[in-house]
């Protein structure tokens, strides 16, 4: 009598539901297939995520090298003034800084360069016709979740100083890998966590150059703030990003100063008034969604020392913080 020969099961039959499978076996195979598909998609997303971050870091390093490697020897020759020449002349033309020339040639949206000591912020800055373009694009215009550090489109930044906006607002993503404004949180101080006070004392200034000149800013305020009216009991929001030109809109300097002094986590001792120029750095914060962390600097005045007397600085124990209990209870 011939021996019994067991039917061989193909790999496809083992993996995919087939005719003759029990209901339980078919469900098991479907679950396995779904799990495998999820795993593959997750791996693709993960690989793409790390590849994008690697490209971002490589681009930043290349840009920093490009920015610092420029060595220029310039000689300016001015023609002697003759008696026939008038003493009332046009202001001298704005000349692009050598360190910014190559960036401007690559991207006409180039607005300047920002450096914050003690952080990873040492980046080229751009400005587009709106505030959305560079949220998800890098300096070269490629899609990138890290975006690029950029200036609010409403701000006038590359012009003679008297024509520049009173407050230049700069945005950057709070990247987990520390790129863009990911390390700005080193300045973050709250009532229950003041450990970063020492960091401020060691790094009370930052520098920004537009296309034509480099400026130093003394930090006057740093705070966490709400974004939406529903996040406050009275519906009032200090919309710091809309304070671009004082006195030319309903947003007066007096309101700006009052809010800044009330909210800052540090009373820096740096004086500031309506005649000064400001820069506001804004990034997402992680206390609640949406929230922002803000650092505001006052530009060093003509003839003023860039040094800050940090012995005058102290924690603002009365800092006006978001109402966390109210926000978390919603």
C-alpha atoms as a PDB file:
ATOM      1  CA  UNK A   1       0.000   0.000   0.000  1.00  0.00           C
ATOM      2  CA  UNK A   2       1.343   3.391  -0.886  1.00  0.00           C
ATOM      3  CA  UNK A   3       2.456   5.604   2.033  1.00  0.00           C
ATOM      4  CA  UNK A   4       0.573   8.840   2.982  1.00  0.00           C
ATOM      5  CA  UNK A   5       2.170  11.925   1.456  1.00  0.00           C
ATOM      6  CA  UNK A   6       1.636  15.192   3.370  1.00  0.00           C
ATOM      7  CA  UNK A   7       0.619  18.166   1.231  1.00  0.00           C
ATOM      8  CA  UNK A   8       3.228  20.900   1.270  1.00  0.00           C
ATOM      9  CA  UNK A   9       2.087  24.421   2.256  1.00  0.00           C
ATOM     10  CA  UNK A  10       3.533  27.295   0.215  1.00  0.00           C
ATOM     11  CA  UNK A  11       4.990  30.406   1.835  1.00  0.00           C
ATOM     12  CA  UNK A  12       2.155  32.495   0.403  1.00  0.00           C
ATOM     13  CA  UNK A  13      -0.403  30.171   1.995  1.00  0.00           C
ATOM     14  CA  UNK A  14       1.351  30.528   5.348  1.00  0.00           C
ATOM     15  CA  UNK A  15       1.275  34.316   5.170  1.00  0.00           C
ATOM     16  CA  UNK A  16      -1.890  35.258   3.326  1.00  0.00           C
ATOM     17  CA  UNK A  17      -5.444  34.144   4.128  1.00  0.00           C
ATOM     18  CA  UNK A  18      -6.371  31.196   1.916  1.00  0.00           C
ATOM     19  CA  UNK A  19      -9.376  29.048   1.109  1.00  0.00           C
ATOM     20  CA  UNK A  20      -9.856  26.453   3.786  1.00  0.00           C
ATOM     21  CA  UNK A  21      -8.407  28.555   6.610  1.00  0.00           C
ATOM     22  CA  UNK A  22     -10.420  28.599   9.777  1.00  0.00           C
ATOM     23  CA  UNK A  23     -11.868  31.934  10.838  1.00  0.00           C
ATOM     24  CA  UNK A  24      -9.303  32.209  13.628  1.00  0.00           C
ATOM     25  CA  UNK A  25      -6.415  31.391  11.283  1.00  0.00           C
ATOM     26  CA  UNK A  26      -7.574  33.972   8.741  1.00  0.00           C
ATOM     27  CA  UNK A  27      -7.840  36.655  11.431  1.00  0.00           C
ATOM     28  CA  UNK A  28      -4.369  35.754  12.727  1.00  0.00           C
ATOM     29  CA  UNK A  29      -2.848  36.128   9.262  1.00  0.00           C
ATOM     30  CA  UNK A  30      -4.597  39.461   8.689  1.00  0.00           C
ATOM     31  CA  UNK A  31      -3.355  40.790  12.043  1.00  0.00           C
ATOM     32  CA  UNK A  32       0.197  39.667  11.227  1.00  0.00           C
ATOM     33  CA  UNK A  33       0.039  41.331   7.794  1.00  0.00           C
ATOM     34  CA  UNK A  34      -1.247  44.570   9.259  1.00  0.00           C
ATOM     35  CA  UNK A  35       1.438  44.536  11.949  1.00  0.00           C
ATOM     36  CA  UNK A  36       4.108  43.912   9.319  1.00  0.00           C
ATOM     37  CA  UNK A  37       2.802  46.760   7.144  1.00  0.00           C
ATOM     38  CA  UNK A  38       2.789  49.119  10.147  1.00  0.00           C
ATOM     39  CA  UNK A  39       6.356  48.058  10.965  1.00  0.00           C
ATOM     40  CA  UNK A  40       7.534  48.727   7.403  1.00  0.00           C
ATOM     41  CA  UNK A  41       5.850  52.140   7.264  1.00  0.00           C
ATOM     42  CA  UNK A  42       7.252  53.034  10.701  1.00  0.00           C
ATOM     43  CA  UNK A  43      10.753  52.070   9.621  1.00  0.00           C
ATOM     44  CA  UNK A  44      10.441  54.162   6.460  1.00  0.00           C
ATOM     45  CA  UNK A  45       9.233  57.170   8.481  1.00  0.00           C
ATOM     46  CA  UNK A  46      11.997  56.682  11.052  1.00  0.00           C
ATOM     47  CA  UNK A  47      14.706  56.386   8.405  1.00  0.00           C
ATOM     48  CA  UNK A  48      13.353  59.463   6.623  1.00  0.00           C
ATOM     49  CA  UNK A  49      13.243  61.379   9.928  1.00  0.00           C
ATOM     50  CA  UNK A  50      16.870  60.663  10.796  1.00  0.00           C
ATOM     51  CA  UNK A  51      18.009  61.253   7.220  1.00  0.00           C
ATOM     52  CA  UNK A  52      16.310  64.667   7.185  1.00  0.00           C
ATOM     53  CA  UNK A  53      17.848  65.650  10.515  1.00  0.00           C
ATOM     54  CA  UNK A  54      21.261  64.509   9.308  1.00  0.00           C
ATOM     55  CA  UNK A  55      20.871  66.685   6.209  1.00  0.00           C
ATOM     56  CA  UNK A  56      19.753  69.636   8.342  1.00  0.00           C
ATOM     57  CA  UNK A  57      22.812  69.380  10.586  1.00  0.00           C
ATOM     58  CA  UNK A  58      25.113  68.974   7.585  1.00  0.00           C
ATOM     59  CA  UNK A  59      23.587  72.038   5.916  1.00  0.00           C
ATOM     60  CA  UNK A  60      24.004  74.114   9.086  1.00  0.00           C
ATOM     61  CA  UNK A  61      27.653  73.100   9.457  1.00  0.00           C
ATOM     62  CA  UNK A  62      28.323  73.950   5.825  1.00  0.00           C
ATOM     63  CA  UNK A  63      26.615  77.332   6.223  1.00  0.00           C
ATOM     64  CA  UNK A  64      28.616  78.125   9.357  1.00  0.00           C
ATOM     65  CA  UNK A  65      31.850  77.299   7.581  1.00  0.00           C
ATOM     66  CA  UNK A  66      30.742  79.408   4.644  1.00  0.00           C
ATOM     67  CA  UNK A  67      29.917  82.299   6.977  1.00  0.00           C
ATOM     68  CA  UNK A  68      33.169  82.268   8.946  1.00  0.00           C
ATOM     69  CA  UNK A  69      35.629  81.390   6.186  1.00  0.00           C
ATOM     70  CA  UNK A  70      35.329  84.719   4.404  1.00  0.00           C
ATOM     71  CA  UNK A  71      38.506  86.735   4.836  1.00  0.00           C
ATOM     72  CA  UNK A  72      38.235  90.073   3.118  1.00  0.00           C
ATOM     73  CA  UNK A  73      40.672  92.913   2.893  1.00  0.00           C
ATOM     74  CA  UNK A  74      38.919  96.047   1.776  1.00  0.00           C
ATOM     75  CA  UNK A  75      40.254  99.441   0.978  1.00  0.00           C
ATOM     76  CA  UNK A  76      37.835 102.316   0.665  1.00  0.00           C
ATOM     77  CA  UNK A  77      39.038 105.294  -1.305  1.00  0.00           C
ATOM     78  CA  UNK A  78      37.056 108.472  -0.920  1.00  0.00           C
ATOM     79  CA  UNK A  79      37.493 111.305  -3.365  1.00  0.00           C
ATOM     80  CA  UNK A  80      38.558 114.553  -1.743  1.00  0.00           C
ATOM     81  CA  UNK A  81      35.834 117.105  -1.210  1.00  0.00           C
ATOM     82  CA  UNK A  82      36.233 120.186  -3.374  1.00  0.00           C
ATOM     83  CA  UNK A  83      34.807 123.616  -2.776  1.00  0.00           C
ATOM     84  CA  UNK A  84      32.216 123.093  -5.471  1.00  0.00           C
ATOM     85  CA  UNK A  85      30.774 120.017  -3.763  1.00  0.00           C
ATOM     86  CA  UNK A  86      27.792 120.455  -1.519  1.00  0.00           C
ATOM     87  CA  UNK A  87      27.967 119.409   2.117  1.00  0.00           C
ATOM     88  CA  UNK A  88      24.442 118.008   1.885  1.00  0.00           C
ATOM     89  CA  UNK A  89      24.873 114.604   0.311  1.00  0.00           C
ATOM     90  CA  UNK A  90      22.890 111.410   0.098  1.00  0.00           C
ATOM     91  CA  UNK A  91      23.749 108.771   2.716  1.00  0.00           C
ATOM     92  CA  UNK A  92      26.452 106.355   1.594  1.00  0.00           C
ATOM     93  CA  UNK A  93      25.150 103.296  -0.234  1.00  0.00           C
ATOM     94  CA  UNK A  94      24.554 100.170   1.799  1.00  0.00           C
ATOM     95  CA  UNK A  95      27.273  97.607   1.157  1.00  0.00           C
ATOM     96  CA  UNK A  96      26.637  93.900   1.651  1.00  0.00           C
ATOM     97  CA  UNK A  97      28.875  92.315   4.267  1.00  0.00           C
ATOM     98  CA  UNK A  98      31.427  89.944   2.698  1.00  0.00           C
ATOM     99  CA  UNK A  99      30.207  87.164   5.002  1.00  0.00           C
ATOM    100  CA  UNK A 100      26.703  87.472   3.544  1.00  0.00           C
ATOM    101  CA  UNK A 101      27.505  87.827  -0.148  1.00  0.00           C
ATOM    102  CA  UNK A 102      27.548  84.117  -1.002  1.00  0.00           C
ATOM    103  CA  UNK A 103      24.310  83.447   0.894  1.00  0.00           C
ATOM    104  CA  UNK A 104      22.555  86.301  -0.887  1.00  0.00           C
ATOM    105  CA  UNK A 105      23.777  84.955  -4.222  1.00  0.00           C
ATOM    106  CA  UNK A 106      22.326  81.536  -3.383  1.00  0.00           C
ATOM    107  CA  UNK A 107      19.032  82.782  -1.979  1.00  0.00           C
ATOM    108  CA  UNK A 108      17.647  86.314  -2.408  1.00  0.00           C
ATOM    109  CA  UNK A 109      15.506  85.706   0.709  1.00  0.00           C
ATOM    110  CA  UNK A 110      18.657  85.900   2.842  1.00  0.00           C
ATOM    111  CA  UNK A 111      18.101  88.445   5.630  1.00  0.00           C
ATOM    112  CA  UNK A 112      21.104  88.021   7.929  1.00  0.00           C
ATOM    113  CA  UNK A 113      22.857  85.840  10.479  1.00  0.00           C
ATOM    114  CA  UNK A 114      22.104  85.211  14.168  1.00  0.00           C
ATOM    115  CA  UNK A 115      24.437  83.927  16.879  1.00  0.00           C
ATOM    116  CA  UNK A 116      23.500  83.243  20.496  1.00  0.00           C
ATOM    117  CA  UNK A 117      26.481  82.324  22.703  1.00  0.00           C
ATOM    118  CA  UNK A 118      26.117  79.153  24.748  1.00  0.00           C
ATOM    119  CA  UNK A 119      23.498  77.693  22.393  1.00  0.00           C
ATOM    120  CA  UNK A 120      23.473  75.944  19.018  1.00  0.00           C
ATOM    121  CA  UNK A 121      21.966  79.044  17.418  1.00  0.00           C
ATOM    122  CA  UNK A 122      24.487  80.166  14.806  1.00  0.00           C
ATOM    123  CA  UNK A 123      22.441  80.292  11.627  1.00  0.00           C
ATOM    124  CA  UNK A 124      21.630  82.102   8.446  1.00  0.00           C
ATOM    125  CA  UNK A 125      18.275  83.889   8.667  1.00  0.00           C
ATOM    126  CA  UNK A 126      15.785  84.367   5.844  1.00  0.00           C
ATOM    127  CA  UNK A 127      12.675  86.442   5.148  1.00  0.00           C
ATOM    128  CA  UNK A 128       9.877  85.556   2.723  1.00  0.00           C
ATOM    129  CA  UNK A 129       6.704  87.275   1.553  1.00  0.00           C
ATOM    130  CA  UNK A 130       4.733  85.441   4.250  1.00  0.00           C
ATOM    131  CA  UNK A 131       5.307  83.650   7.551  1.00  0.00           C
ATOM    132  CA  UNK A 132       4.476  80.175   6.235  1.00  0.00           C
ATOM    133  CA  UNK A 133       7.034  79.444   3.533  1.00  0.00           C
ATOM    134  CA  UNK A 134      10.048  78.726   5.765  1.00  0.00           C
ATOM    135  CA  UNK A 135       8.025  76.905   8.412  1.00  0.00           C
ATOM    136  CA  UNK A 136       8.662  73.708   6.474  1.00  0.00           C
ATOM    137  CA  UNK A 137      11.439  74.599   4.037  1.00  0.00           C
ATOM    138  CA  UNK A 138      15.176  74.914   4.494  1.00  0.00           C
ATOM    139  CA  UNK A 139      17.480  77.642   3.213  1.00  0.00           C
ATOM    140  CA  UNK A 140      17.535  76.069  -0.247  1.00  0.00           C
ATOM    141  CA  UNK A 141      13.748  75.831  -0.466  1.00  0.00           C
ATOM    142  CA  UNK A 142      13.647  72.068   0.061  1.00  0.00           C
ATOM    143  CA  UNK A 143      10.846  70.559   2.134  1.00  0.00           C
ATOM    144  CA  UNK A 144      12.129  70.109   5.676  1.00  0.00           C
ATOM    145  CA  UNK A 145      10.168  69.824   8.916  1.00  0.00           C
ATOM    146  CA  UNK A 146      12.906  71.765  10.737  1.00  0.00           C
ATOM    147  CA  UNK A 147      12.241  74.781   8.549  1.00  0.00           C
ATOM    148  CA  UNK A 148      14.621  77.724   8.766  1.00  0.00           C
ATOM    149  CA  UNK A 149      15.052  80.612  11.172  1.00  0.00           C
ATOM    150  CA  UNK A 150      13.186  83.504   9.567  1.00  0.00           C
ATOM    151  CA  UNK A 151      12.107  87.107  10.091  1.00  0.00           C
ATOM    152  CA  UNK A 152       8.440  88.121  10.181  1.00  0.00           C
ATOM    153  CA  UNK A 153       7.494  89.282   6.680  1.00  0.00           C
ATOM    154  CA  UNK A 154       6.135  92.574   8.056  1.00  0.00           C
ATOM    155  CA  UNK A 155       9.499  93.692   9.435  1.00  0.00           C
ATOM    156  CA  UNK A 156      11.842  96.031   7.606  1.00  0.00           C
ATOM    157  CA  UNK A 157      15.285  94.737   8.358  1.00  0.00           C
ATOM    158  CA  UNK A 158      17.677  95.468   5.493  1.00  0.00           C
ATOM    159  CA  UNK A 159      17.596  99.223   5.189  1.00  0.00           C
ATOM    160  CA  UNK A 160      19.192 102.228   6.815  1.00  0.00           C
ATOM    161  CA  UNK A 161      18.866 102.005  10.596  1.00  0.00           C
ATOM    162  CA  UNK A 162      16.306 104.788  10.864  1.00  0.00           C
ATOM    163  CA  UNK A 163      14.055 102.940   8.398  1.00  0.00           C
ATOM    164  CA  UNK A 164      14.245  99.572  10.122  1.00  0.00           C
ATOM    165  CA  UNK A 165      11.293  98.274  12.122  1.00  0.00           C
ATOM    166  CA  UNK A 166      11.266  99.152  15.816  1.00  0.00           C
ATOM    167  CA  UNK A 167      10.970  95.474  16.725  1.00  0.00           C
ATOM    168  CA  UNK A 168      12.261  92.736  14.443  1.00  0.00           C
ATOM    169  CA  UNK A 169      10.467  89.456  15.159  1.00  0.00           C
ATOM    170  CA  UNK A 170      12.359  86.237  14.410  1.00  0.00           C
ATOM    171  CA  UNK A 171      10.875  82.728  14.428  1.00  0.00           C
ATOM    172  CA  UNK A 172      12.445  79.277  14.629  1.00  0.00           C
ATOM    173  CA  UNK A 173      11.251  75.772  15.428  1.00  0.00           C
ATOM    174  CA  UNK A 174      11.999  74.280  18.838  1.00  0.00           C
ATOM    175  CA  UNK A 175      13.761  71.254  17.355  1.00  0.00           C
ATOM    176  CA  UNK A 176      14.368  68.264  19.636  1.00  0.00           C
ATOM    177  CA  UNK A 177      17.808  67.724  18.095  1.00  0.00           C
ATOM    178  CA  UNK A 178      18.883  71.237  19.113  1.00  0.00           C
ATOM    179  CA  UNK A 179      18.893  72.761  15.632  1.00  0.00           C
ATOM    180  CA  UNK A 180      17.146  76.052  14.759  1.00  0.00           C
ATOM    181  CA  UNK A 181      15.776  77.476  18.060  1.00  0.00           C
ATOM    182  CA  UNK A 182      15.952  74.100  19.819  1.00  0.00           C
ATOM    183  CA  UNK A 183      18.421  75.370  22.435  1.00  0.00           C
ATOM    184  CA  UNK A 184      16.779  78.732  23.080  1.00  0.00           C
ATOM    185  CA  UNK A 185      15.096  77.017  26.048  1.00  0.00           C
ATOM    186  CA  UNK A 186      18.405  77.226  27.907  1.00  0.00           C
ATOM    187  CA  UNK A 187      17.135  80.681  28.889  1.00  0.00           C
ATOM    188  CA  UNK A 188      13.785  79.359  30.117  1.00  0.00           C
ATOM    189  CA  UNK A 189      13.049  80.267  33.736  1.00  0.00           C
ATOM    190  CA  UNK A 190       9.788  79.728  35.586  1.00  0.00           C
ATOM    191  CA  UNK A 191       8.733  80.294  39.167  1.00  0.00           C
ATOM    192  CA  UNK A 192       9.200  76.643  40.047  1.00  0.00           C
ATOM    193  CA  UNK A 193      12.407  76.234  38.028  1.00  0.00           C
ATOM    194  CA  UNK A 194      15.032  78.987  38.169  1.00  0.00           C
ATOM    195  CA  UNK A 195      18.104  76.832  37.466  1.00  0.00           C
ATOM    196  CA  UNK A 196      18.702  78.537  34.097  1.00  0.00           C
ATOM    197  CA  UNK A 197      19.316  81.903  35.742  1.00  0.00           C
ATOM    198  CA  UNK A 198      23.048  81.197  35.717  1.00  0.00           C
ATOM    199  CA  UNK A 199      22.897  80.575  31.982  1.00  0.00           C
ATOM    200  CA  UNK A 200      21.398  84.011  31.438  1.00  0.00           C
ATOM    201  CA  UNK A 201      24.084  85.598  33.644  1.00  0.00           C
ATOM    202  CA  UNK A 202      26.754  83.985  31.473  1.00  0.00           C
ATOM    203  CA  UNK A 203      25.037  84.812  28.168  1.00  0.00           C
ATOM    204  CA  UNK A 204      23.137  88.115  28.495  1.00  0.00           C
ATOM    205  CA  UNK A 205      23.590  89.179  24.854  1.00  0.00           C
ATOM    206  CA  UNK A 206      23.291  87.848  21.320  1.00  0.00           C
ATOM    207  CA  UNK A 207      24.377  89.159  17.928  1.00  0.00           C
ATOM    208  CA  UNK A 208      22.537  89.606  14.674  1.00  0.00           C
ATOM    209  CA  UNK A 209      23.817  90.953  11.395  1.00  0.00           C
ATOM    210  CA  UNK A 210      21.530  91.961   8.600  1.00  0.00           C
ATOM    211  CA  UNK A 211      23.034  92.110   5.130  1.00  0.00           C
ATOM    212  CA  UNK A 212      24.942  95.305   5.884  1.00  0.00           C
ATOM    213  CA  UNK A 213      25.863  95.577   9.560  1.00  0.00           C
ATOM    214  CA  UNK A 214      26.305  93.514  12.708  1.00  0.00           C
ATOM    215  CA  UNK A 215      24.437  94.432  15.880  1.00  0.00           C
ATOM    216  CA  UNK A 216      24.583  93.273  19.489  1.00  0.00           C
ATOM    217  CA  UNK A 217      21.416  92.938  21.546  1.00  0.00           C
ATOM    218  CA  UNK A 218      21.154  93.000  25.333  1.00  0.00           C
ATOM    219  CA  UNK A 219      18.447  90.657  26.588  1.00  0.00           C
ATOM    220  CA  UNK A 220      15.688  92.533  28.428  1.00  0.00           C
ATOM    221  CA  UNK A 221      13.083  89.795  28.814  1.00  0.00           C
ATOM    222  CA  UNK A 222      12.402  86.065  28.590  1.00  0.00           C
ATOM    223  CA  UNK A 223       9.079  84.387  29.226  1.00  0.00           C
ATOM    224  CA  UNK A 224       6.592  81.619  28.393  1.00  0.00           C
ATOM    225  CA  UNK A 225       3.291  82.906  27.021  1.00  0.00           C
ATOM    226  CA  UNK A 226      -0.135  81.820  25.826  1.00  0.00           C
ATOM    227  CA  UNK A 227      -1.156  82.107  22.185  1.00  0.00           C
ATOM    228  CA  UNK A 228      -4.962  81.895  22.118  1.00  0.00           C
ATOM    229  CA  UNK A 229      -7.524  84.010  24.033  1.00  0.00           C
ATOM    230  CA  UNK A 230      -9.281  80.876  25.305  1.00  0.00           C
ATOM    231  CA  UNK A 231      -6.132  80.054  27.275  1.00  0.00           C
ATOM    232  CA  UNK A 232      -6.670  83.035  29.600  1.00  0.00           C
ATOM    233  CA  UNK A 233      -9.498  83.743  32.016  1.00  0.00           C
ATOM    234  CA  UNK A 234     -10.120  87.248  30.661  1.00  0.00           C
ATOM    235  CA  UNK A 235      -9.367  86.521  27.001  1.00  0.00           C
ATOM    236  CA  UNK A 236      -6.418  88.953  26.893  1.00  0.00           C
ATOM    237  CA  UNK A 237      -3.310  87.922  24.990  1.00  0.00           C
ATOM    238  CA  UNK A 238      -0.072  89.890  24.757  1.00  0.00           C
ATOM    239  CA  UNK A 239       0.442  89.506  21.003  1.00  0.00           C
ATOM    240  CA  UNK A 240       4.140  90.389  21.174  1.00  0.00           C
ATOM    241  CA  UNK A 241       4.705  89.366  17.538  1.00  0.00           C
ATOM    242  CA  UNK A 242       2.420  92.173  16.345  1.00  0.00           C
ATOM    243  CA  UNK A 243       4.420  94.906  18.091  1.00  0.00           C
ATOM    244  CA  UNK A 244       6.545  95.696  15.044  1.00  0.00           C
ATOM    245  CA  UNK A 245       6.352  99.491  14.858  1.00  0.00           C
ATOM    246  CA  UNK A 246       5.410 101.393  17.993  1.00  0.00           C
ATOM    247  CA  UNK A 247       2.970 104.246  17.669  1.00  0.00           C
ATOM    248  CA  UNK A 248       2.056 103.496  14.072  1.00  0.00           C
ATOM    249  CA  UNK A 249      -0.669 101.082  15.105  1.00  0.00           C
ATOM    250  CA  UNK A 250      -2.826 100.563  18.169  1.00  0.00           C
ATOM    251  CA  UNK A 251       0.104  98.678  19.714  1.00  0.00           C
ATOM    252  CA  UNK A 252       1.938 101.375  21.623  1.00  0.00           C
ATOM    253  CA  UNK A 253       5.382 101.161  23.157  1.00  0.00           C
ATOM    254  CA  UNK A 254       3.898 101.765  26.614  1.00  0.00           C
ATOM    255  CA  UNK A 255       1.848  98.553  26.240  1.00  0.00           C
ATOM    256  CA  UNK A 256       4.886  96.674  25.005  1.00  0.00           C
ATOM    257  CA  UNK A 257       7.036  97.784  27.934  1.00  0.00           C
ATOM    258  CA  UNK A 258       4.326  97.141  30.518  1.00  0.00           C
ATOM    259  CA  UNK A 259       3.792  93.583  29.299  1.00  0.00           C
ATOM    260  CA  UNK A 260       7.494  92.839  28.945  1.00  0.00           C
ATOM    261  CA  UNK A 261       8.314  93.989  32.478  1.00  0.00           C
ATOM    262  CA  UNK A 262       5.325  92.136  33.936  1.00  0.00           C
ATOM    263  CA  UNK A 263       6.090  88.825  32.231  1.00  0.00           C
ATOM    264  CA  UNK A 264       9.879  88.602  32.159  1.00  0.00           C
ATOM    265  CA  UNK A 265      11.329  85.895  34.376  1.00  0.00           C
ATOM    266  CA  UNK A 266      14.428  88.027  34.960  1.00  0.00           C
ATOM    267  CA  UNK A 267      14.660  91.718  35.782  1.00  0.00           C
ATOM    268  CA  UNK A 268      17.849  92.197  33.796  1.00  0.00           C
ATOM    269  CA  UNK A 269      18.631  95.746  34.882  1.00  0.00           C
ATOM    270  CA  UNK A 270      19.042  96.746  31.220  1.00  0.00           C
ATOM    271  CA  UNK A 271      17.158  99.965  30.575  1.00  0.00           C
ATOM    272  CA  UNK A 272      15.133 100.419  27.407  1.00  0.00           C
ATOM    273  CA  UNK A 273      12.862 103.050  25.913  1.00  0.00           C
ATOM    274  CA  UNK A 274      10.849 104.008  22.846  1.00  0.00           C
ATOM    275  CA  UNK A 275      13.900 105.231  20.953  1.00  0.00           C
ATOM    276  CA  UNK A 276      15.606 101.847  21.035  1.00  0.00           C
ATOM    277  CA  UNK A 277      15.533  99.053  18.460  1.00  0.00           C
ATOM    278  CA  UNK A 278      14.468  95.554  19.507  1.00  0.00           C
ATOM    279  CA  UNK A 279      14.648  91.955  18.377  1.00  0.00           C
ATOM    280  CA  UNK A 280      12.141  89.348  19.555  1.00  0.00           C
ATOM    281  CA  UNK A 281      13.014  85.653  19.263  1.00  0.00           C
ATOM    282  CA  UNK A 282      10.020  83.332  19.297  1.00  0.00           C
ATOM    283  CA  UNK A 283       9.754  79.534  19.380  1.00  0.00           C
ATOM    284  CA  UNK A 284       7.232  76.886  20.394  1.00  0.00           C
ATOM    285  CA  UNK A 285       7.228  75.840  24.038  1.00  0.00           C
ATOM    286  CA  UNK A 286       6.182  72.534  25.587  1.00  0.00           C
ATOM    287  CA  UNK A 287       4.116  73.614  28.598  1.00  0.00           C
ATOM    288  CA  UNK A 288       0.842  73.331  26.679  1.00  0.00           C
ATOM    289  CA  UNK A 289      -0.351  73.523  23.094  1.00  0.00           C
ATOM    290  CA  UNK A 290      -0.063  76.109  21.731  1.00  0.00           C
ATOM    291  CA  UNK A 291       2.465  78.021  23.826  1.00  0.00           C
ATOM    292  CA  UNK A 292       5.558  80.068  23.009  1.00  0.00           C
ATOM    293  CA  UNK A 293       8.894  80.844  24.617  1.00  0.00           C
ATOM    294  CA  UNK A 294      10.100  84.374  23.897  1.00  0.00           C
ATOM    295  CA  UNK A 295      13.440  86.148  24.324  1.00  0.00           C
ATOM    296  CA  UNK A 296      13.601  89.899  23.651  1.00  0.00           C
ATOM    297  CA  UNK A 297      16.769  91.905  23.154  1.00  0.00           C
ATOM    298  CA  UNK A 298      17.431  95.634  23.027  1.00  0.00           C
ATOM    299  CA  UNK A 299      20.007  96.743  20.459  1.00  0.00           C
ATOM    300  CA  UNK A 300      23.209  98.234  21.838  1.00  0.00           C
ATOM    301  CA  UNK A 301      23.061 101.996  21.380  1.00  0.00           C
ATOM    302  CA  UNK A 302      25.632 104.052  19.528  1.00  0.00           C
ATOM    303  CA  UNK A 303      28.636 104.565  21.773  1.00  0.00           C
ATOM    304  CA  UNK A 304      27.301 102.184  24.422  1.00  0.00           C
ATOM    305  CA  UNK A 305      29.378  99.286  25.745  1.00  0.00           C
ATOM    306  CA  UNK A 306      28.019  95.862  24.712  1.00  0.00           C
ATOM    307  CA  UNK A 307      28.851  94.569  28.186  1.00  0.00           C
ATOM    308  CA  UNK A 308      25.948  93.912  30.569  1.00  0.00           C
ATOM    309  CA  UNK A 309      26.247  94.545  34.300  1.00  0.00           C
ATOM    310  CA  UNK A 310      24.656  91.249  35.329  1.00  0.00           C
ATOM    311  CA  UNK A 311      25.083  92.102  39.017  1.00  0.00           C
ATOM    312  CA  UNK A 312      21.868  94.116  38.575  1.00  0.00           C
ATOM    313  CA  UNK A 313      19.926  91.085  37.358  1.00  0.00           C
ATOM    314  CA  UNK A 314      17.510  89.224  39.609  1.00  0.00           C
ATOM    315  CA  UNK A 315      14.706  86.711  39.325  1.00  0.00           C
ATOM    316  CA  UNK A 316      11.329  88.386  38.927  1.00  0.00           C
ATOM    317  CA  UNK A 317       9.404  86.658  41.699  1.00  0.00           C
ATOM    318  CA  UNK A 318       6.231  88.413  40.537  1.00  0.00           C
ATOM    319  CA  UNK A 319       6.553  87.279  36.919  1.00  0.00           C
ATOM    320  CA  UNK A 320       3.193  87.035  35.171  1.00  0.00           C
ATOM    321  CA  UNK A 321       3.040  83.436  33.996  1.00  0.00           C
ATOM    322  CA  UNK A 322       0.299  81.617  32.086  1.00  0.00           C
ATOM    323  CA  UNK A 323      -2.466  80.349  34.384  1.00  0.00           C
ATOM    324  CA  UNK A 324      -1.390  76.723  34.209  1.00  0.00           C
ATOM    325  CA  UNK A 325      -4.190  75.468  36.474  1.00  0.00           C
ATOM    326  CA  UNK A 326      -6.804  77.109  34.279  1.00  0.00           C
ATOM    327  CA  UNK A 327      -5.209  75.861  31.047  1.00  0.00           C
ATOM    328  CA  UNK A 328      -4.712  72.281  32.257  1.00  0.00           C
ATOM    329  CA  UNK A 329      -8.261  72.086  33.600  1.00  0.00           C
ATOM    330  CA  UNK A 330      -9.848  72.834  30.250  1.00  0.00           C
END
